[in-house]
């Protein structure tokens, strides 16, 4: 649960919702072939064949701001820098406008390239 304080009080937002929102946003960007499993928990879920729509999304909170880490696979032959910039801007925009959350940083890690 991510908790954010404002002038009205404290707001709690489910990390599952935020992961799903970030995952959908990143996967719909041009050139992204998919998100990659990262970390022990996601690795175990992948080995057990559990459906995890938000794999590759790691969220941490620093004060009232979020730090988002994304692990992606990109399509071969596309400009990786442009894809990363697009993902950073879209994720930042969606979190700010739809969830009302201030984003400290969005870190995108390109783990693979695929055809």
N, C-alpha and C. Protein backbone atom coordinates (compact mmCIF):
# COMPACT_ATOMS: atom_id res chain seq x y z
N UNK A 1 0.85 -1.17 0.00
CA UNK A 1 0.00 0.00 0.00
C UNK A 1 0.90 1.24 0.00
N UNK A 2 0.65 2.12 -0.93
CA UNK A 2 1.35 3.39 -1.02
C UNK A 2 0.49 4.43 -0.32
N UNK A 3 1.05 5.13 0.63
CA UNK A 3 0.31 6.15 1.38
C UNK A 3 0.86 7.52 1.04
N UNK A 4 -0.06 8.42 0.72
CA UNK A 4 0.30 9.78 0.34
C UNK A 4 -0.49 10.75 1.22
N UNK A 5 0.23 11.71 1.80
CA UNK A 5 -0.42 12.70 2.65
C UNK A 5 -0.66 13.97 1.85
N UNK A 6 -1.86 14.53 2.00
CA UNK A 6 -2.16 15.83 1.41
C UNK A 6 -3.00 16.64 2.40
N UNK A 7 -3.53 17.76 1.95
CA UNK A 7 -4.27 18.64 2.85
C UNK A 7 -5.58 18.03 3.35
N UNK A 8 -6.08 16.99 2.69
CA UNK A 8 -7.32 16.34 3.11
C UNK A 8 -7.09 15.17 4.05
N UNK A 9 -5.86 14.69 4.13
CA UNK A 9 -5.56 13.55 4.98
C UNK A 9 -4.61 12.59 4.28
N UNK A 10 -4.72 11.32 4.61
CA UNK A 10 -3.86 10.30 4.02
C UNK A 10 -4.65 9.46 3.04
N UNK A 11 -4.07 9.24 1.86
CA UNK A 11 -4.70 8.44 0.83
C UNK A 11 -3.86 7.18 0.64
N UNK A 12 -4.51 6.03 0.60
CA UNK A 12 -3.82 4.76 0.37
C UNK A 12 -4.17 4.23 -1.00
N UNK A 13 -3.16 3.85 -1.78
CA UNK A 13 -3.37 3.29 -3.11
C UNK A 13 -2.68 1.93 -3.15
N UNK A 14 -3.39 0.93 -3.62
CA UNK A 14 -2.86 -0.42 -3.69
C UNK A 14 -1.69 -0.50 -4.65
N UNK A 15 -0.63 -1.19 -4.23
CA UNK A 15 0.52 -1.37 -5.12
C UNK A 15 0.16 -2.26 -6.31
N UNK A 16 -0.78 -3.17 -6.12
CA UNK A 16 -1.25 -4.00 -7.23
C UNK A 16 -1.87 -3.17 -8.33
N UNK A 17 -2.69 -2.20 -7.93
CA UNK A 17 -3.30 -1.30 -8.91
C UNK A 17 -2.23 -0.49 -9.64
N UNK A 18 -1.27 0.05 -8.89
CA UNK A 18 -0.21 0.85 -9.52
C UNK A 18 0.65 0.02 -10.46
N UNK A 19 0.98 -1.20 -10.05
CA UNK A 19 1.77 -2.08 -10.93
C UNK A 19 1.02 -2.38 -12.22
N UNK A 20 -0.27 -2.67 -12.11
CA UNK A 20 -1.08 -2.96 -13.29
C UNK A 20 -1.17 -1.74 -14.20
N UNK A 21 -1.36 -0.57 -13.63
CA UNK A 21 -1.43 0.67 -14.39
C UNK A 21 -0.11 0.93 -15.12
N UNK A 22 1.00 0.77 -14.43
CA UNK A 22 2.32 0.98 -15.04
C UNK A 22 2.60 -0.07 -16.10
N UNK A 23 2.26 -1.32 -15.82
CA UNK A 23 2.48 -2.40 -16.76
C UNK A 23 1.71 -2.18 -18.06
N UNK A 24 0.44 -1.83 -17.96
CA UNK A 24 -0.37 -1.58 -19.15
C UNK A 24 0.17 -0.40 -19.95
N UNK A 25 0.60 0.64 -19.27
CA UNK A 25 1.14 1.82 -19.94
C UNK A 25 2.42 1.48 -20.69
N UNK A 26 3.33 0.77 -20.04
CA UNK A 26 4.60 0.43 -20.67
C UNK A 26 4.42 -0.53 -21.84
N UNK A 27 3.57 -1.53 -21.69
CA UNK A 27 3.37 -2.51 -22.76
C UNK A 27 2.72 -1.91 -23.99
N UNK A 28 1.98 -0.82 -23.83
CA UNK A 28 1.32 -0.19 -24.97
C UNK A 28 2.20 0.82 -25.69
N UNK A 29 3.44 0.99 -25.25
CA UNK A 29 4.37 1.88 -25.93
C UNK A 29 4.95 1.18 -27.16
N UNK A 30 5.16 1.94 -28.22
CA UNK A 30 5.72 1.40 -29.45
C UNK A 30 7.11 0.82 -29.20
N UNK A 31 7.36 -0.38 -29.72
CA UNK A 31 8.66 -1.01 -29.63
C UNK A 31 8.87 -1.90 -28.43
N UNK A 32 7.94 -1.90 -27.49
CA UNK A 32 8.08 -2.75 -26.30
C UNK A 32 7.47 -4.11 -26.62
N UNK A 33 8.31 -5.14 -26.56
CA UNK A 33 7.84 -6.50 -26.84
C UNK A 33 7.24 -7.15 -25.60
N UNK A 34 7.61 -6.68 -24.42
CA UNK A 34 7.07 -7.23 -23.19
C UNK A 34 7.88 -6.79 -21.99
N UNK A 35 7.38 -7.18 -20.83
CA UNK A 35 8.06 -6.91 -19.57
C UNK A 35 8.73 -8.19 -19.10
N UNK A 36 9.85 -8.07 -18.42
CA UNK A 36 10.63 -9.22 -17.96
C UNK A 36 10.49 -9.43 -16.47
N UNK A 37 10.57 -10.68 -16.08
CA UNK A 37 10.55 -11.05 -14.67
C UNK A 37 11.82 -10.52 -14.02
N UNK A 38 11.68 -9.93 -12.84
CA UNK A 38 12.85 -9.43 -12.13
C UNK A 38 12.63 -9.64 -10.64
N UNK A 39 13.63 -10.14 -9.97
CA UNK A 39 13.57 -10.33 -8.53
C UNK A 39 13.09 -11.72 -8.15
N UNK A 40 13.28 -12.06 -6.90
CA UNK A 40 12.98 -13.41 -6.41
C UNK A 40 11.49 -13.72 -6.44
N UNK A 41 10.68 -12.80 -5.97
CA UNK A 41 9.23 -13.05 -5.89
C UNK A 41 8.65 -13.26 -7.28
N UNK A 42 9.02 -12.41 -8.22
CA UNK A 42 8.50 -12.55 -9.57
C UNK A 42 9.05 -13.81 -10.24
N UNK A 43 10.31 -14.17 -9.91
CA UNK A 43 10.90 -15.38 -10.46
C UNK A 43 10.18 -16.64 -9.99
N UNK A 44 9.84 -16.70 -8.72
CA UNK A 44 9.11 -17.85 -8.18
C UNK A 44 7.73 -17.94 -8.81
N UNK A 45 7.04 -16.81 -8.94
CA UNK A 45 5.72 -16.81 -9.58
C UNK A 45 5.81 -17.29 -11.02
N UNK A 46 6.86 -16.90 -11.73
CA UNK A 46 7.03 -17.33 -13.12
C UNK A 46 7.29 -18.84 -13.19
N UNK A 47 8.11 -19.37 -12.26
CA UNK A 47 8.39 -20.81 -12.26
C UNK A 47 7.15 -21.63 -11.93
N UNK A 48 6.29 -21.09 -11.09
CA UNK A 48 5.06 -21.78 -10.72
C UNK A 48 3.94 -21.53 -11.72
N UNK A 49 4.25 -20.80 -12.78
CA UNK A 49 3.30 -20.51 -13.87
C UNK A 49 2.09 -19.71 -13.40
N UNK A 50 2.29 -18.89 -12.39
CA UNK A 50 1.21 -18.01 -11.94
C UNK A 50 1.13 -16.82 -12.88
N UNK A 51 -0.06 -16.46 -13.25
CA UNK A 51 -0.26 -15.31 -14.13
C UNK A 51 0.05 -14.04 -13.35
N UNK A 52 1.03 -13.32 -13.81
CA UNK A 52 1.42 -12.08 -13.16
C UNK A 52 1.45 -10.99 -14.22
N UNK A 53 0.40 -10.19 -14.26
CA UNK A 53 0.28 -9.14 -15.27
C UNK A 53 1.27 -8.01 -15.05
N UNK A 54 1.82 -7.91 -13.85
CA UNK A 54 2.69 -6.78 -13.55
C UNK A 54 4.14 -7.19 -13.38
N UNK A 55 4.55 -8.24 -14.07
CA UNK A 55 5.96 -8.65 -13.95
C UNK A 55 6.86 -7.57 -14.52
N UNK A 56 8.03 -7.45 -13.95
CA UNK A 56 8.98 -6.46 -14.42
C UNK A 56 8.77 -5.06 -13.88
N UNK A 57 7.79 -4.87 -12.99
CA UNK A 57 7.50 -3.55 -12.41
C UNK A 57 7.84 -3.59 -10.93
N UNK A 58 8.77 -2.75 -10.51
CA UNK A 58 9.16 -2.66 -9.11
C UNK A 58 8.88 -1.23 -8.65
N UNK A 59 8.13 -1.11 -7.57
CA UNK A 59 7.74 0.20 -7.05
C UNK A 59 8.31 0.37 -5.65
N UNK A 60 8.91 1.52 -5.39
CA UNK A 60 9.33 1.86 -4.03
C UNK A 60 8.91 3.30 -3.76
N UNK A 61 8.77 3.61 -2.50
CA UNK A 61 8.31 4.94 -2.10
C UNK A 61 9.39 5.65 -1.31
N UNK A 62 9.65 6.89 -1.68
CA UNK A 62 10.59 7.74 -0.95
C UNK A 62 9.83 9.00 -0.55
N UNK A 63 9.42 9.04 0.71
CA UNK A 63 8.58 10.15 1.17
C UNK A 63 7.21 10.04 0.53
N UNK A 64 6.78 11.09 -0.14
CA UNK A 64 5.51 11.07 -0.86
C UNK A 64 5.69 10.86 -2.35
N UNK A 65 6.87 10.42 -2.76
CA UNK A 65 7.16 10.23 -4.17
C UNK A 65 7.45 8.76 -4.47
N UNK A 66 7.18 8.36 -5.71
CA UNK A 66 7.43 6.99 -6.13
C UNK A 66 8.69 6.89 -6.97
N UNK A 67 9.35 5.77 -6.84
CA UNK A 67 10.45 5.40 -7.72
C UNK A 67 10.01 4.12 -8.41
N UNK A 68 9.99 4.14 -9.75
CA UNK A 68 9.51 3.01 -10.54
C UNK A 68 10.67 2.44 -11.34
N UNK A 69 10.86 1.12 -11.25
CA UNK A 69 11.84 0.41 -12.05
C UNK A 69 11.10 -0.52 -12.99
N UNK A 70 11.43 -0.47 -14.29
CA UNK A 70 10.81 -1.33 -15.29
C UNK A 70 11.89 -2.14 -16.00
N UNK A 71 11.63 -3.41 -16.18
CA UNK A 71 12.53 -4.30 -16.92
C UNK A 71 11.79 -4.75 -18.16
N UNK A 72 12.31 -4.37 -19.34
CA UNK A 72 11.57 -4.58 -20.58
C UNK A 72 12.39 -5.35 -21.62
N UNK A 73 11.65 -5.88 -22.61
CA UNK A 73 12.23 -6.43 -23.83
C UNK A 73 11.78 -5.53 -24.96
N UNK A 74 12.71 -5.12 -25.82
CA UNK A 74 12.36 -4.26 -26.94
C UNK A 74 12.46 -5.03 -28.25
N UNK A 75 11.78 -4.52 -29.26
CA UNK A 75 11.81 -5.10 -30.59
C UNK A 75 13.10 -4.69 -31.29
N UNK A 76 13.74 -5.66 -31.95
CA UNK A 76 14.98 -5.40 -32.66
C UNK A 76 14.77 -4.39 -33.78
N UNK A 77 15.69 -3.44 -33.93
CA UNK A 77 15.66 -2.49 -35.02
C UNK A 77 15.00 -1.16 -34.71
N UNK A 78 14.56 -0.98 -33.49
CA UNK A 78 13.95 0.29 -33.12
C UNK A 78 14.94 1.10 -32.28
N UNK A 79 14.72 2.39 -32.21
CA UNK A 79 15.58 3.28 -31.45
C UNK A 79 15.31 3.09 -29.95
N UNK A 80 16.23 2.46 -29.26
CA UNK A 80 16.04 2.13 -27.85
C UNK A 80 15.93 3.39 -27.00
N UNK A 81 16.73 4.39 -27.29
CA UNK A 81 16.67 5.65 -26.53
C UNK A 81 15.31 6.31 -26.64
N UNK A 82 14.72 6.29 -27.83
CA UNK A 82 13.40 6.89 -28.02
C UNK A 82 12.32 6.11 -27.28
N UNK A 83 12.45 4.78 -27.28
CA UNK A 83 11.48 3.95 -26.56
C UNK A 83 11.56 4.23 -25.06
N UNK A 84 12.76 4.28 -24.53
CA UNK A 84 12.94 4.53 -23.10
C UNK A 84 12.39 5.89 -22.72
N UNK A 85 12.69 6.93 -23.51
CA UNK A 85 12.16 8.27 -23.23
C UNK A 85 10.63 8.27 -23.26
N UNK A 86 10.06 7.58 -24.24
CA UNK A 86 8.61 7.51 -24.36
C UNK A 86 7.98 6.83 -23.14
N UNK A 87 8.57 5.74 -22.70
CA UNK A 87 8.05 5.03 -21.52
C UNK A 87 8.13 5.91 -20.28
N UNK A 88 9.25 6.57 -20.09
CA UNK A 88 9.43 7.43 -18.92
C UNK A 88 8.36 8.52 -18.89
N UNK A 89 8.15 9.18 -20.02
CA UNK A 89 7.16 10.26 -20.06
C UNK A 89 5.74 9.75 -19.88
N UNK A 90 5.40 8.63 -20.52
CA UNK A 90 4.03 8.10 -20.41
C UNK A 90 3.72 7.60 -19.00
N UNK A 91 4.66 6.89 -18.38
CA UNK A 91 4.43 6.39 -17.03
C UNK A 91 4.31 7.55 -16.05
N UNK A 92 5.16 8.54 -16.18
CA UNK A 92 5.10 9.72 -15.34
C UNK A 92 3.76 10.43 -15.50
N UNK A 93 3.32 10.60 -16.74
CA UNK A 93 2.05 11.28 -17.03
C UNK A 93 0.86 10.51 -16.45
N UNK A 94 0.83 9.20 -16.66
CA UNK A 94 -0.30 8.39 -16.19
C UNK A 94 -0.38 8.39 -14.67
N UNK A 95 0.75 8.23 -14.00
CA UNK A 95 0.74 8.22 -12.53
C UNK A 95 0.33 9.57 -11.96
N UNK A 96 0.78 10.63 -12.59
CA UNK A 96 0.44 11.97 -12.11
C UNK A 96 -1.03 12.29 -12.34
N UNK A 97 -1.54 11.99 -13.53
CA UNK A 97 -2.91 12.38 -13.87
C UNK A 97 -3.98 11.40 -13.41
N UNK A 98 -3.72 10.10 -13.46
CA UNK A 98 -4.75 9.13 -13.10
C UNK A 98 -4.72 8.75 -11.63
N UNK A 99 -3.53 8.72 -11.03
CA UNK A 99 -3.43 8.31 -9.64
C UNK A 99 -3.13 9.48 -8.71
N UNK A 100 -2.74 10.62 -9.25
CA UNK A 100 -2.43 11.78 -8.43
C UNK A 100 -1.18 11.62 -7.60
N UNK A 101 -0.21 10.87 -8.12
CA UNK A 101 1.02 10.57 -7.39
C UNK A 101 2.19 11.32 -8.01
N UNK A 102 3.04 11.87 -7.16
CA UNK A 102 4.26 12.51 -7.62
C UNK A 102 5.31 11.44 -7.85
N UNK A 103 5.93 11.47 -9.03
CA UNK A 103 6.94 10.48 -9.38
C UNK A 103 8.32 11.10 -9.27
N UNK A 104 9.18 10.47 -8.48
CA UNK A 104 10.55 10.96 -8.34
C UNK A 104 11.37 10.56 -9.56
N UNK A 105 11.27 9.27 -9.93
CA UNK A 105 12.00 8.82 -11.12
C UNK A 105 11.39 7.53 -11.66
N UNK A 106 11.56 7.36 -12.97
CA UNK A 106 11.19 6.13 -13.66
C UNK A 106 12.47 5.61 -14.29
N UNK A 107 12.92 4.44 -13.85
CA UNK A 107 14.13 3.83 -14.37
C UNK A 107 13.75 2.67 -15.27
N UNK A 108 14.21 2.70 -16.52
CA UNK A 108 13.88 1.65 -17.48
C UNK A 108 15.14 0.87 -17.80
N UNK A 109 15.07 -0.45 -17.61
CA UNK A 109 16.19 -1.34 -17.90
C UNK A 109 15.82 -2.22 -19.08
N UNK A 110 16.60 -2.13 -20.15
CA UNK A 110 16.36 -2.97 -21.32
C UNK A 110 17.15 -4.26 -21.12
N UNK A 111 16.44 -5.35 -20.87
CA UNK A 111 17.08 -6.63 -20.59
C UNK A 111 17.31 -7.47 -21.83
N UNK A 112 16.44 -7.34 -22.83
CA UNK A 112 16.52 -8.18 -24.01
C UNK A 112 16.08 -7.42 -25.26
N UNK A 113 16.48 -7.98 -26.41
CA UNK A 113 15.96 -7.55 -27.71
C UNK A 113 15.43 -8.78 -28.41
N UNK A 114 14.31 -8.64 -29.09
CA UNK A 114 13.70 -9.78 -29.77
C UNK A 114 13.26 -9.36 -31.16
N UNK A 115 13.05 -10.35 -32.02
CA UNK A 115 12.58 -10.08 -33.40
C UNK A 115 11.11 -9.78 -33.43
